[in-house]
PDB file of N, CA and C in Angstrom:
ATOM      1  N   MET A   1     -50.772-210.052 125.255  1.00  0.00           N
ATOM      2  CA  MET A   1     -51.977-209.450 125.806  1.00  0.00           C
ATOM      3  C   MET A   1     -52.750-210.497 126.598  1.00  0.00           C
ATOM      4  N   GLY A   2     -53.355-210.060 127.651  1.00  0.00           N
ATOM      5  CA  GLY A   2     -54.085-210.971 128.511  1.00  0.00           C
ATOM      6  C   GLY A   2     -55.575-210.721 128.447  1.00  0.00           C
ATOM      7  N   LEU A   3     -56.211-211.009 129.524  1.00  0.00           N
ATOM      8  CA  LEU A   3     -57.651-210.899 129.674  1.00  0.00           C
ATOM      9  C   LEU A   3     -58.123-209.492 129.343  1.00  0.00           C
ATOM     10  N   MET A   4     -59.117-209.392 128.486  1.00  0.00           N
ATOM     11  CA  MET A   4     -59.753-208.126 128.121  1.00  0.00           C
ATOM     12  C   MET A   4     -58.727-207.117 127.611  1.00  0.00           C
ATOM     13  N   GLY A   5     -57.729-207.567 126.828  1.00  0.00           N
ATOM     14  CA  GLY A   5     -56.756-206.673 126.242  1.00  0.00           C
ATOM     15  C   GLY A   5     -55.704-206.173 127.217  1.00  0.00           C
ATOM     16  N   ARG A   6     -55.603-206.797 128.334  1.00  0.00           N
ATOM     17  CA  ARG A   6     -54.698-206.352 129.386  1.00  0.00           C
ATOM     18  C   ARG A   6     -53.348-207.025 129.225  1.00  0.00           C
ATOM     19  N   SER A   7     -52.276-206.238 129.249  1.00  0.00           N
ATOM     20  CA  SER A   7     -50.961-206.867 129.190  1.00  0.00           C
ATOM     21  C   SER A   7     -50.493-207.093 130.618  1.00  0.00           C
ATOM     22  N   TYR A   8     -49.846-208.206 130.838  1.00  0.00           N
ATOM     23  CA  TYR A   8     -49.448-208.571 132.179  1.00  0.00           C
ATOM     24  C   TYR A   8     -47.944-208.522 132.328  1.00  0.00           C
ATOM     25  N   ALA A   9     -47.521-207.861 133.368  1.00  0.00           N
ATOM     26  CA  ALA A   9     -46.107-207.833 133.710  1.00  0.00           C
ATOM     27  C   ALA A   9     -45.773-209.161 134.358  1.00  0.00           C
ATOM     28  N   PRO A  10     -44.488-209.547 134.365  1.00  0.00           N
ATOM     29  CA  PRO A  10     -44.116-210.811 134.991  1.00  0.00           C
ATOM     30  C   PRO A  10     -44.511-210.906 136.460  1.00  0.00           C
ATOM     31  N   SER A  11     -44.749-209.758 137.119  1.00  0.00           N
ATOM     32  CA  SER A  11     -45.091-209.783 138.542  1.00  0.00           C
ATOM     33  C   SER A  11     -46.506-210.277 138.796  1.00  0.00           C
ATOM     34  N   VAL A  12     -47.333-210.369 137.764  1.00  0.00           N
ATOM     35  CA  VAL A  12     -48.700-210.859 137.927  1.00  0.00           C
ATOM     36  C   VAL A  12     -48.657-212.381 137.920  1.00  0.00           C
ATOM     37  N   SER A  13     -49.127-212.957 139.007  1.00  0.00           N
ATOM     38  CA  SER A  13     -49.054-214.410 139.119  1.00  0.00           C
ATOM     39  C   SER A  13     -50.167-215.080 138.326  1.00  0.00           C
ATOM     40  N   LYS A  14     -49.955-216.356 138.055  1.00  0.00           N
ATOM     41  CA  LYS A  14     -50.968-217.150 137.359  1.00  0.00           C
ATOM     42  C   LYS A  14     -52.241-217.195 138.186  1.00  0.00           C
ATOM     43  N   PHE A  15     -52.097-217.234 139.520  1.00  0.00           N
ATOM     44  CA  PHE A  15     -53.259-217.261 140.410  1.00  0.00           C
ATOM     45  C   PHE A  15     -54.088-215.992 140.242  1.00  0.00           C
ATOM     46  N   ASP A  16     -53.425-214.817 140.184  1.00  0.00           N
ATOM     47  CA  ASP A  16     -54.144-213.554 140.009  1.00  0.00           C
ATOM     48  C   ASP A  16     -54.923-213.563 138.702  1.00  0.00           C
ATOM     49  N   PHE A  17     -54.280-214.022 137.641  1.00  0.00           N
ATOM     50  CA  PHE A  17     -54.922-214.063 136.333  1.00  0.00           C
ATOM     51  C   PHE A  17     -56.116-215.013 136.359  1.00  0.00           C
ATOM     52  N   MET A  18     -55.935-216.198 136.927  1.00  0.00           N
ATOM     53  CA  MET A  18     -57.015-217.181 136.963  1.00  0.00           C
ATOM     54  C   MET A  18     -58.165-216.688 137.839  1.00  0.00           C
ATOM     55  N   SER A  19     -57.838-216.022 138.928  1.00  0.00           N
ATOM     56  CA  SER A  19     -58.859-215.475 139.807  1.00  0.00           C
ATOM     57  C   SER A  19     -59.665-214.395 139.076  1.00  0.00           C
ATOM     58  N   GLU A  20     -58.974-213.533 138.335  1.00  0.00           N
ATOM     59  CA  GLU A  20     -59.652-212.491 137.573  1.00  0.00           C
ATOM     60  C   GLU A  20     -60.512-213.102 136.468  1.00  0.00           C
ATOM     61  N   LEU A  21     -60.006-214.142 135.841  1.00  0.00           N
ATOM     62  CA  LEU A  21     -60.759-214.824 134.789  1.00  0.00           C
ATOM     63  C   LEU A  21     -62.032-215.452 135.359  1.00  0.00           C
ATOM     64  N   ALA A  22     -61.923-216.083 136.525  1.00  0.00           N
ATOM     65  CA  ALA A  22     -63.094-216.692 137.165  1.00  0.00           C
ATOM     66  C   ALA A  22     -64.123-215.619 137.511  1.00  0.00           C
ATOM     67  N   GLU A  23     -63.657-214.479 138.022  1.00  0.00           N
ATOM     68  CA  GLU A  23     -64.590-213.401 138.360  1.00  0.00           C
ATOM     69  C   GLU A  23     -65.253-212.834 137.109  1.00  0.00           C
ATOM     70  N   LEU A  24     -64.489-212.773 136.023  1.00  0.00           N
ATOM     71  CA  LEU A  24     -65.070-212.300 134.766  1.00  0.00           C
ATOM     72  C   LEU A  24     -66.168-213.256 134.298  1.00  0.00           C
ATOM     73  N   HIS A  25     -65.901-214.562 134.363  1.00  0.00           N
ATOM     74  CA  HIS A  25     -66.922-215.543 133.985  1.00  0.00           C
ATOM     75  C   HIS A  25     -68.140-215.422 134.893  1.00  0.00           C
ATOM     76  N   ASN A  26     -67.907-215.260 136.202  1.00  0.00           N
ATOM     77  CA  ASN A  26     -69.025-215.108 137.135  1.00  0.00           C
ATOM     78  C   ASN A  26     -69.860-213.883 136.798  1.00  0.00           C
ATOM     79  N   TYR A  27     -69.194-212.757 136.537  1.00  0.00           N
ATOM     80  CA  TYR A  27     -69.933-211.530 136.206  1.00  0.00           C
ATOM     81  C   TYR A  27     -70.747-211.721 134.929  1.00  0.00           C
ATOM     82  N   LYS A  28     -70.101-212.240 133.887  1.00  0.00           N
ATOM     83  CA  LYS A  28     -70.800-212.407 132.615  1.00  0.00           C
ATOM     84  C   LYS A  28     -71.986-213.359 132.753  1.00  0.00           C
ATOM     85  N   LEU A  29     -71.804-214.431 133.527  1.00  0.00           N
ATOM     86  CA  LEU A  29     -72.895-215.381 133.730  1.00  0.00           C
ATOM     87  C   LEU A  29     -74.020-214.752 134.551  1.00  0.00           C
ATOM     88  N   LEU A  30     -73.679-214.006 135.602  1.00  0.00           N
ATOM     89  CA  LEU A  30     -74.701-213.321 136.393  1.00  0.00           C
ATOM     90  C   LEU A  30     -75.490-212.344 135.525  1.00  0.00           C
ATOM     91  N   LYS A  31     -74.802-211.576 134.712  1.00  0.00           N
ATOM     92  CA  LYS A  31     -75.471-210.605 133.837  1.00  0.00           C
ATOM     93  C   LYS A  31     -76.383-211.320 132.845  1.00  0.00           C
ATOM     94  N   LEU A  32     -75.869-212.388 132.255  1.00  0.00           N
ATOM     95  CA  LEU A  32     -76.648-213.145 131.276  1.00  0.00           C
ATOM     96  C   LEU A  32     -77.907-213.741 131.909  1.00  0.00           C
ATOM     97  N   LEU A  33     -77.769-214.320 133.086  1.00  0.00           N
ATOM     98  CA  LEU A  33     -78.917-214.934 133.755  1.00  0.00           C
ATOM     99  C   LEU A  33     -79.904-213.884 134.244  1.00  0.00           C
ATOM    100  N   ASP A  34     -79.392-212.731 134.642  1.00  0.00           N
ATOM    101  CA  ASP A  34     -80.274-211.648 135.071  1.00  0.00           C
ATOM    102  C   ASP A  34     -81.134-211.180 133.894  1.00  0.00           C
ATOM    103  N   ASP A  35     -80.521-211.108 132.713  1.00  0.00           N
ATOM    104  CA  ASP A  35     -81.239-210.681 131.512  1.00  0.00           C
ATOM    105  C   ASP A  35     -82.107-211.790 130.921  1.00  0.00           C
ATOM    106  N   ASN A  36     -81.693-213.065 131.104  1.00  0.00           N
ATOM    107  CA  ASN A  36     -82.370-214.218 130.489  1.00  0.00           C
ATOM    108  C   ASN A  36     -82.458-215.375 131.485  1.00  0.00           C
ATOM    109  N   PRO A  37     -83.326-215.304 132.474  1.00  0.00           N
ATOM    110  CA  PRO A  37     -83.354-216.342 133.514  1.00  0.00           C
ATOM    111  C   PRO A  37     -83.726-217.738 133.018  1.00  0.00           C
ATOM    112  N   ASN A  38     -84.383-217.833 131.859  1.00  0.00           N
ATOM    113  CA  ASN A  38     -84.802-219.140 131.354  1.00  0.00           C
ATOM    114  C   ASN A  38     -83.819-219.728 130.351  1.00  0.00           C
ATOM    115  N   LEU A  39     -82.666-219.126 130.219  1.00  0.00           N
ATOM    116  CA  LEU A  39     -81.647-219.594 129.287  1.00  0.00           C
ATOM    117  C   LEU A  39     -81.115-220.954 129.737  1.00  0.00           C
ATOM    118  N   SER A  40     -80.930-221.854 128.803  1.00  0.00           N
ATOM    119  CA  SER A  40     -80.351-223.156 129.151  1.00  0.00           C
ATOM    120  C   SER A  40     -78.843-222.993 129.326  1.00  0.00           C
ATOM    121  N   GLN A  41     -78.228-223.953 129.986  1.00  0.00           N
ATOM    122  CA  GLN A  41     -76.781-223.918 130.162  1.00  0.00           C
ATOM    123  C   GLN A  41     -76.073-223.978 128.809  1.00  0.00           C
ATOM    124  N   ARG A  42     -76.600-224.751 127.905  1.00  0.00           N
ATOM    125  CA  ARG A  42     -76.004-224.850 126.562  1.00  0.00           C
ATOM    126  C   ARG A  42     -76.070-223.505 125.843  1.00  0.00           C
ATOM    127  N   GLU A  43     -77.211-222.834 125.940  1.00  0.00           N
ATOM    128  CA  GLU A  43     -77.351-221.508 125.317  1.00  0.00           C
ATOM    129  C   GLU A  43     -76.398-220.512 125.970  1.00  0.00           C
ATOM    130  N   ALA A  44     -76.265-220.583 127.290  1.00  0.00           N
ATOM    131  CA  ALA A  44     -75.336-219.695 127.997  1.00  0.00           C
ATOM    132  C   ALA A  44     -73.901-219.936 127.531  1.00  0.00           C
ATOM    133  N   ALA A  45     -73.539-221.200 127.361  1.00  0.00           N
ATOM    134  CA  ALA A  45     -72.192-221.538 126.891  1.00  0.00           C
ATOM    135  C   ALA A  45     -71.946-220.943 125.509  1.00  0.00           C
ATOM    136  N   ASP A  46     -72.929-221.045 124.628  1.00  0.00           N
ATOM    137  CA  ASP A  46     -72.802-220.490 123.274  1.00  0.00           C
ATOM    138  C   ASP A  46     -72.625-218.976 123.318  1.00  0.00           C
ATOM    139  N   VAL A  47     -73.443-218.307 124.111  1.00  0.00           N
ATOM    140  CA  VAL A  47     -73.384-216.844 124.204  1.00  0.00           C
ATOM    141  C   VAL A  47     -72.057-216.386 124.802  1.00  0.00           C
ATOM    142  N   LEU A  48     -71.602-217.073 125.844  1.00  0.00           N
ATOM    143  CA  LEU A  48     -70.382-216.668 126.540  1.00  0.00           C
ATOM    144  C   LEU A  48     -69.110-217.143 125.844  1.00  0.00           C
ATOM    145  N   GLY A  49     -69.258-218.097 124.940  1.00  0.00           N
ATOM    146  CA  GLY A  49     -68.087-218.610 124.239  1.00  0.00           C
ATOM    147  C   GLY A  49     -67.198-219.475 125.114  1.00  0.00           C
ATOM    148  N   ILE A  50     -67.815-220.159 126.072  1.00  0.00           N
ATOM    149  CA  ILE A  50     -67.081-221.090 126.931  1.00  0.00           C
ATOM    150  C   ILE A  50     -67.770-222.446 126.872  1.00  0.00           C
ATOM    151  N   SER A  51     -67.121-223.449 127.407  1.00  0.00           N
ATOM    152  CA  SER A  51     -67.677-224.797 127.318  1.00  0.00           C
ATOM    153  C   SER A  51     -68.903-224.959 128.217  1.00  0.00           C
ATOM    154  N   LEU A  52     -69.719-225.924 127.874  1.00  0.00           N
ATOM    155  CA  LEU A  52     -70.889-226.258 128.673  1.00  0.00           C
ATOM    156  C   LEU A  52     -70.458-226.679 130.082  1.00  0.00           C
ATOM    157  N   GLY A  53     -69.386-227.434 130.178  1.00  0.00           N
ATOM    158  CA  GLY A  53     -68.869-227.855 131.483  1.00  0.00           C
ATOM    159  C   GLY A  53     -68.456-226.676 132.341  1.00  0.00           C
ATOM    160  N   LYS A  54     -67.846-225.661 131.719  1.00  0.00           N
ATOM    161  CA  LYS A  54     -67.427-224.464 132.448  1.00  0.00           C
ATOM    162  C   LYS A  54     -68.643-223.700 132.953  1.00  0.00           C
ATOM    163  N   VAL A  55     -69.685-223.607 132.133  1.00  0.00           N
ATOM    164  CA  VAL A  55     -70.921-222.939 132.557  1.00  0.00           C
ATOM    165  C   VAL A  55     -71.522-223.690 133.735  1.00  0.00           C
ATOM    166  N   ASN A  56     -71.575-225.019 133.633  1.00  0.00           N
ATOM    167  CA  ASN A  56     -72.126-225.827 134.720  1.00  0.00           C
ATOM    168  C   ASN A  56     -71.329-225.629 136.003  1.00  0.00           C
ATOM    169  N   TYR A  57     -70.006-225.635 135.888  1.00  0.00           N
ATOM    170  CA  TYR A  57     -69.125-225.443 137.049  1.00  0.00           C
ATOM    171  C   TYR A  57     -69.358-224.067 137.683  1.00  0.00           C
ATOM    172  N   CYS A  58     -69.370-223.019 136.858  1.00  0.00           N
ATOM    173  CA  CYS A  58     -69.566-221.653 137.363  1.00  0.00           C
ATOM    174  C   CYS A  58     -70.959-221.500 137.980  1.00  0.00           C
ATOM    175  N   LEU A  59     -71.962-222.056 137.315  1.00  0.00           N
ATOM    176  CA  LEU A  59     -73.328-221.948 137.806  1.00  0.00           C
ATOM    177  C   LEU A  59     -73.475-222.634 139.164  1.00  0.00           C
ATOM    178  N   ARG A  60     -72.895-223.814 139.303  1.00  0.00           N
ATOM    179  CA  ARG A  60     -72.952-224.513 140.600  1.00  0.00           C
ATOM    180  C   ARG A  60     -72.258-223.700 141.695  1.00  0.00           C
ATOM    181  N   ALA A  61     -71.147-223.055 141.340  1.00  0.00           N
ATOM    182  CA  ALA A  61     -70.442-222.215 142.314  1.00  0.00           C
ATOM    183  C   ALA A  61     -71.311-221.025 142.720  1.00  0.00           C
ATOM    184  N   LEU A  62     -71.996-220.415 141.741  1.00  0.00           N
ATOM    185  CA  LEU A  62     -72.871-219.277 142.047  1.00  0.00           C
ATOM    186  C   LEU A  62     -74.055-219.703 142.914  1.00  0.00           C
ATOM    187  N   ILE A  63     -74.576-220.886 142.652  1.00  0.00           N
ATOM    188  CA  ILE A  63     -75.674-221.416 143.468  1.00  0.00           C
ATOM    189  C   ILE A  63     -75.164-221.708 144.876  1.00  0.00           C
ATOM    190  N   ASP A  64     -73.982-222.333 144.994  1.00  0.00           N
ATOM    191  CA  ASP A  64     -73.405-222.647 146.311  1.00  0.00           C
ATOM    192  C   ASP A  64     -73.122-221.386 147.128  1.00  0.00           C
ATOM    193  N   LYS A  65     -72.747-220.298 146.454  1.00  0.00           N
ATOM    194  CA  LYS A  65     -72.477-219.030 147.139  1.00  0.00           C
ATOM    195  C   LYS A  65     -73.767-218.318 147.535  1.00  0.00           C
ATOM    196  N   GLY A  66     -74.897-218.787 146.992  1.00  0.00           N
ATOM    197  CA  GLY A  66     -76.171-218.161 147.294  1.00  0.00           C
ATOM    198  C   GLY A  66     -76.467-216.957 146.412  1.00  0.00           C
ATOM    199  N   TRP A  67     -75.775-216.845 145.293  1.00  0.00           N
ATOM    200  CA  TRP A  67     -75.971-215.711 144.387  1.00  0.00           C
ATOM    201  C   TRP A  67     -77.073-215.992 143.367  1.00  0.00           C
ATOM    202  N   VAL A  68     -77.321-217.268 143.107  1.00  0.00           N
ATOM    203  CA  VAL A  68     -78.334-217.688 142.128  1.00  0.00           C
ATOM    204  C   VAL A  68     -79.162-218.795 142.755  1.00  0.00           C
ATOM    205  N   LYS A  69     -80.470-218.757 142.509  1.00  0.00           N
ATOM    206  CA  LYS A  69     -81.309-219.880 142.919  1.00  0.00           C
ATOM    207  C   LYS A  69     -81.903-220.481 141.663  1.00  0.00           C
ATOM    208  N   ILE A  70     -82.168-221.752 141.741  1.00  0.00           N
ATOM    209  CA  ILE A  70     -82.651-222.494 140.580  1.00  0.00           C
ATOM    210  C   ILE A  70     -84.104-222.885 140.831  1.00  0.00           C
ATOM    211  N   GLN A  71     -84.903-222.772 139.794  1.00  0.00           N
ATOM    212  CA  GLN A  71     -86.316-223.135 139.885  1.00  0.00           C
ATOM    213  C   GLN A  71     -86.633-224.081 138.740  1.00  0.00           C
ATOM    214  N   ASN A  72     -87.195-225.230 139.075  1.00  0.00           N
ATOM    215  CA  ASN A  72     -87.585-226.220 138.074  1.00  0.00           C
ATOM    216  C   ASN A  72     -89.069-226.057 137.792  1.00  0.00           C
ATOM    217  N   PHE A  73     -89.419-226.078 136.528  1.00  0.00           N
ATOM    218  CA  PHE A  73     -90.825-225.984 136.149  1.00  0.00           C
ATOM    219  C   PHE A  73     -91.421-227.391 136.127  1.00  0.00           C
ATOM    220  N   LYS A  74     -91.954-227.830 137.246  1.00  0.00           N
ATOM    221  CA  LYS A  74     -92.453-229.198 137.377  1.00  0.00           C
ATOM    222  C   LYS A  74     -93.654-229.476 136.479  1.00  0.00           C
ATOM    223  N   ASN A  75     -94.438-228.462 136.183  1.00  0.00           N
ATOM    224  CA  ASN A  75     -95.627-228.664 135.349  1.00  0.00           C
ATOM    225  C   ASN A  75     -95.309-228.558 133.863  1.00  0.00           C
ATOM    226  N   ASN A  76     -94.079-228.258 133.549  1.00  0.00           N
ATOM    227  CA  ASN A  76     -93.668-228.122 132.159  1.00  0.00           C
ATOM    228  C   ASN A  76     -93.464-229.507 131.551  1.00  0.00           C
ATOM    229  N   LYS A  77     -93.798-229.656 130.287  1.00  0.00           N
ATOM    230  CA  LYS A  77     -93.573-230.936 129.600  1.00  0.00           C
ATOM    231  C   LYS A  77     -92.090-231.268 129.541  1.00  0.00           C
ATOM    232  N   ASN A  78     -91.278-230.235 129.424  1.00  0.00           N
ATOM    233  CA  ASN A  78     -89.825-230.413 129.408  1.00  0.00           C
ATOM    234  C   ASN A  78     -89.333-230.379 130.852  1.00  0.00           C
ATOM    235  N   LYS A  79     -89.144-231.540 131.447  1.00  0.00           N
ATOM    236  CA  LYS A  79     -88.772-231.629 132.861  1.00  0.00           C
ATOM    237  C   LYS A  79     -87.381-231.052 133.143  1.00  0.00           C
ATOM    238  N   LEU A  80     -86.616-230.791 132.096  1.00  0.00           N
ATOM    239  CA  LEU A  80     -85.281-230.227 132.282  1.00  0.00           C
ATOM    240  C   LEU A  80     -85.284-228.704 132.214  1.00  0.00           C
ATOM    241  N   ALA A  81     -86.448-228.088 132.102  1.00  0.00           N
ATOM    242  CA  ALA A  81     -86.533-226.634 132.010  1.00  0.00           C
ATOM    243  C   ALA A  81     -86.317-226.017 133.393  1.00  0.00           C
ATOM    244  N   TYR A  82     -85.347-225.129 133.467  1.00  0.00           N
ATOM    245  CA  TYR A  82     -85.032-224.446 134.713  1.00  0.00           C
ATOM    246  C   TYR A  82     -85.053-222.950 134.496  1.00  0.00           C
ATOM    247  N   SER A  83     -85.235-222.250 135.569  1.00  0.00           N
ATOM    248  CA  SER A  83     -85.093-220.802 135.563  1.00  0.00           C
ATOM    249  C   SER A  83     -84.033-220.479 136.607  1.00  0.00           C
ATOM    250  N   TYR A  84     -83.082-219.637 136.240  1.00  0.00           N
ATOM    251  CA  TYR A  84     -81.991-219.253 137.136  1.00  0.00           C
ATOM    252  C   TYR A  84     -82.221-217.810 137.557  1.00  0.00           C
ATOM    253  N   LEU A  85     -82.492-217.616 138.834  1.00  0.00           N
ATOM    254  CA  LEU A  85     -82.832-216.294 139.345  1.00  0.00           C
ATOM    255  C   LEU A  85     -81.750-215.783 140.278  1.00  0.00           C
ATOM    256  N   LEU A  86     -81.345-214.521 140.065  1.00  0.00           N
ATOM    257  CA  LEU A  86     -80.366-213.927 140.958  1.00  0.00           C
ATOM    258  C   LEU A  86     -81.029-213.625 142.296  1.00  0.00           C
ATOM    259  N   THR A  87     -80.337-213.952 143.351  1.00  0.00           N
ATOM    260  CA  THR A  87     -80.804-213.617 144.691  1.00  0.00           C
ATOM    261  C   THR A  87     -80.434-212.158 144.964  1.00  0.00           C
ATOM    262  N   PRO A  88     -80.965-211.574 146.029  1.00  0.00           N
ATOM    263  CA  PRO A  88     -80.536-210.208 146.369  1.00  0.00           C
ATOM    264  C   PRO A  88     -79.002-210.121 146.540  1.00  0.00           C
ATOM    265  N   HIS A  89     -78.417-211.145 147.141  1.00  0.00           N
ATOM    266  CA  HIS A  89     -76.956-211.177 147.300  1.00  0.00           C
ATOM    267  C   HIS A  89     -76.280-211.287 145.930  1.00  0.00           C
ATOM    268  N   GLY A  90     -76.859-212.043 145.025  1.00  0.00           N
ATOM    269  CA  GLY A  90     -76.319-212.171 143.676  1.00  0.00           C
ATOM    270  C   GLY A  90     -76.353-210.850 142.923  1.00  0.00           C
ATOM    271  N   ILE A  91     -77.419-210.089 143.113  1.00  0.00           N
ATOM    272  CA  ILE A  91     -77.529-208.775 142.474  1.00  0.00           C
ATOM    273  C   ILE A  91     -76.452-207.840 143.023  1.00  0.00           C
ATOM    274  N   GLU A  92     -76.225-207.896 144.342  1.00  0.00           N
ATOM    275  CA  GLU A  92     -75.169-207.084 144.953  1.00  0.00           C
ATOM    276  C   GLU A  92     -73.794-207.470 144.411  1.00  0.00           C
ATOM    277  N   GLU A  93     -73.554-208.765 144.286  1.00  0.00           N
ATOM    278  CA  GLU A  93     -72.259-209.230 143.789  1.00  0.00           C
ATOM    279  C   GLU A  93     -72.052-208.853 142.329  1.00  0.00           C
ATOM    280  N   LYS A  94     -73.109-208.914 141.545  1.00  0.00           N
ATOM    281  CA  LYS A  94     -73.014-208.504 140.145  1.00  0.00           C
ATOM    282  C   LYS A  94     -72.613-207.033 140.068  1.00  0.00           C
ATOM    283  N   ALA A  95     -73.215-206.205 140.897  1.00  0.00           N
ATOM    284  CA  ALA A  95     -72.882-204.772 140.924  1.00  0.00           C
ATOM    285  C   ALA A  95     -71.440-204.559 141.396  1.00  0.00           C
ATOM    286  N   ARG A  96     -71.014-205.329 142.400  1.00  0.00           N
ATOM    287  CA  ARG A  96     -69.643-205.206 142.905  1.00  0.00           C
ATOM    288  C   ARG A  96     -68.643-205.586 141.817  1.00  0.00           C
ATOM    289  N   LEU A  97     -68.908-206.678 141.127  1.00  0.00           N
ATOM    290  CA  LEU A  97     -68.008-207.118 140.054  1.00  0.00           C
ATOM    291  C   LEU A  97     -67.955-206.088 138.926  1.00  0.00           C
ATOM    292  N   LEU A  98     -69.085-205.494 138.612  1.00  0.00           N
ATOM    293  CA  LEU A  98     -69.115-204.471 137.577  1.00  0.00           C
ATOM    294  C   LEU A  98     -68.249-203.274 137.981  1.00  0.00           C
ATOM    295  N   ARG A  99     -68.379-202.833 139.231  1.00  0.00           N
ATOM    296  CA  ARG A  99     -67.546-201.715 139.713  1.00  0.00           C
ATOM    297  C   ARG A  99     -66.072-202.078 139.652  1.00  0.00           C
ATOM    298  N   GLU A 100     -65.755-203.309 140.036  1.00  0.00           N
ATOM    299  CA  GLU A 100     -64.364-203.776 140.028  1.00  0.00           C
ATOM    300  C   GLU A 100     -63.792-203.760 138.611  1.00  0.00           C
ATOM    301  N   PHE A 101     -64.537-204.274 137.638  1.00  0.00           N
ATOM    302  CA  PHE A 101     -64.060-204.294 136.260  1.00  0.00           C
ATOM    303  C   PHE A 101     -63.988-202.885 135.683  1.00  0.00           C
ATOM    304  N   TYR A 102     -64.887-202.013 136.097  1.00  0.00           N
ATOM    305  CA  TYR A 102     -64.823-200.617 135.662  1.00  0.00           C
ATOM    306  C   TYR A 102     -63.514-199.987 136.143  1.00  0.00           C
ATOM    307  N   GLU A 103     -63.162-200.211 137.397  1.00  0.00           N
ATOM    308  CA  GLU A 103     -61.923-199.659 137.940  1.00  0.00           C
ATOM    309  C   GLU A 103     -60.699-200.229 137.219  1.00  0.00           C
ATOM    310  N   ILE A 104     -60.723-201.499 136.909  1.00  0.00           N
ATOM    311  CA  ILE A 104     -59.619-202.122 136.167  1.00  0.00           C
ATOM    312  C   ILE A 104     -59.483-201.462 134.802  1.00  0.00           C
ATOM    313  N   LYS A 105     -60.598-201.302 134.113  1.00  0.00           N
ATOM    314  CA  LYS A 105     -60.575-200.698 132.783  1.00  0.00           C
ATOM    315  C   LYS A 105     -60.109-199.249 132.835  1.00  0.00           C
ATOM    316  N   LYS A 106     -60.553-198.522 133.846  1.00  0.00           N
ATOM    317  CA  LYS A 106     -60.144-197.124 133.990  1.00  0.00           C
ATOM    318  C   LYS A 106     -58.631-197.034 134.210  1.00  0.00           C
ATOM    319  N   LYS A 107     -58.111-197.919 135.048  1.00  0.00           N
ATOM    320  CA  LYS A 107     -56.665-197.944 135.305  1.00  0.00           C
ATOM    321  C   LYS A 107     -55.902-198.323 134.032  1.00  0.00           C
ATOM    322  N   GLU A 108     -56.397-199.315 133.301  1.00  0.00           N
ATOM    323  CA  GLU A 108     -55.756-199.724 132.046  1.00  0.00           C
ATOM    324  C   GLU A 108     -55.744-198.572 131.056  1.00  0.00           C
ATOM    325  N   TYR A 109     -56.849-197.836 130.985  1.00  0.00           N
ATOM    326  CA  TYR A 109     -56.935-196.700 130.078  1.00  0.00           C
ATOM    327  C   TYR A 109     -55.883-195.651 130.435  1.00  0.00           C
ATOM    328  N   GLU A 110     -55.775-195.343 131.708  1.00  0.00           N
ATOM    329  CA  GLU A 110     -54.797-194.343 132.152  1.00  0.00           C
ATOM    330  C   GLU A 110     -53.371-194.792 131.847  1.00  0.00           C
ATOM    331  N   GLU A 111     -53.080-196.075 132.061  1.00  0.00           N
ATOM    332  CA  GLU A 111     -51.747-196.601 131.760  1.00  0.00           C
ATOM    333  C   GLU A 111     -51.451-196.537 130.264  1.00  0.00           C
ATOM    334  N   LEU A 112     -52.422-196.892 129.452  1.00  0.00           N
ATOM    335  CA  LEU A 112     -52.240-196.821 127.998  1.00  0.00           C
ATOM    336  C   LEU A 112     -52.065-195.381 127.528  1.00  0.00           C
ATOM    337  N   LYS A 113     -52.815-194.478 128.112  1.00  0.00           N
ATOM    338  CA  LYS A 113     -52.711-193.068 127.762  1.00  0.00           C
ATOM    339  C   LYS A 113     -51.293-192.552 128.055  1.00  0.00           C
ATOM    340  N   LYS A 114     -50.743-192.930 129.209  1.00  0.00           N
ATOM    341  CA  LYS A 114     -49.373-192.533 129.571  1.00  0.00           C
ATOM    342  C   LYS A 114     -48.368-193.129 128.583  1.00  0.00           C
ATOM    343  N   GLU A 115     -48.588-194.390 128.217  1.00  0.00           N
ATOM    344  CA  GLU A 115     -47.681-195.064 127.284  1.00  0.00           C
ATOM    345  C   GLU A 115     -47.704-194.386 125.910  1.00  0.00           C
ATOM    346  N   VAL A 116     -48.879-194.016 125.447  1.00  0.00           N
ATOM    347  CA  VAL A 116     -49.004-193.329 124.158  1.00  0.00           C
ATOM    348  C   VAL A 116     -48.286-191.976 124.219  1.00  0.00           C
ATOM    349  N   GLU A 117     -48.467-191.244 125.308  1.00  0.00           N
ATOM    350  CA  GLU A 117     -47.788-189.954 125.469  1.00  0.00           C
ATOM    351  C   GLU A 117     -46.273-190.136 125.477  1.00  0.00           C
ATOM    352  N   LEU A 118     -45.819-191.181 126.150  1.00  0.00           N
ATOM    353  CA  LEU A 118     -44.386-191.471 126.196  1.00  0.00           C
ATOM    354  C   LEU A 118     -43.859-191.795 124.791  1.00  0.00           C
ATOM    355  N   LEU A 119     -44.607-192.575 124.042  1.00  0.00           N
ATOM    356  CA  LEU A 119     -44.206-192.920 122.678  1.00  0.00           C
ATOM    357  C   LEU A 119     -44.177-191.679 121.781  1.00  0.00           C
ATOM    358  N   LYS A 120     -45.116-190.766 121.991  1.00  0.00           N
ATOM    359  CA  LYS A 120     -45.152-189.526 121.202  1.00  0.00           C
ATOM    360  C   LYS A 120     -43.914-188.669 121.467  1.00  0.00           C
ATOM    361  N   THR A 121     -43.462-188.658 122.724  1.00  0.00           N
ATOM    362  CA  THR A 121     -42.280-187.843 123.059  1.00  0.00           C
ATOM    363  C   THR A 121     -40.997-188.466 122.532  1.00  0.00           C
ATOM    364  N   GLU A 122     -41.006-189.752 122.281  1.00  0.00           N
ATOM    365  CA  GLU A 122     -39.827-190.440 121.759  1.00  0.00           C
ATOM    366  C   GLU A 122     -39.652-190.228 120.266  1.00  0.00           C
ATOM    367  N   GLU A 123     -40.715-189.797 119.572  1.00  0.00           N
ATOM    368  CA  GLU A 123     -40.642-189.629 118.104  1.00  0.00           C
ATOM    369  C   GLU A 123     -39.808-188.447 117.711  1.00  0.00           C
TER     370      GLU A 123
END
């Protein structure tokens, strides 16, 4: 079984899997930051179940793409306090990724349903 309970046929390349995994991390991070803009990278790593380095890498990529902007609270006693805000483009991308994962899940469901029906006829 692969990502999100998905079984992969040999025709699925490692690149496709890694690309899908990166998009999944991006979506989850965008959703998390949209819901909790003041979350620290360490807290995000804990919630997402990935390493702090991976969160930092993904976050920098989202900032470079213009999907997230970072705001430092200069008047805060904790000079490391940041707020991560989704840009309008980031909100659009989050919605696009959600639609994409919905379609993947719908297709997986249909494939599993066919497989179950096939197994029932074999009994």
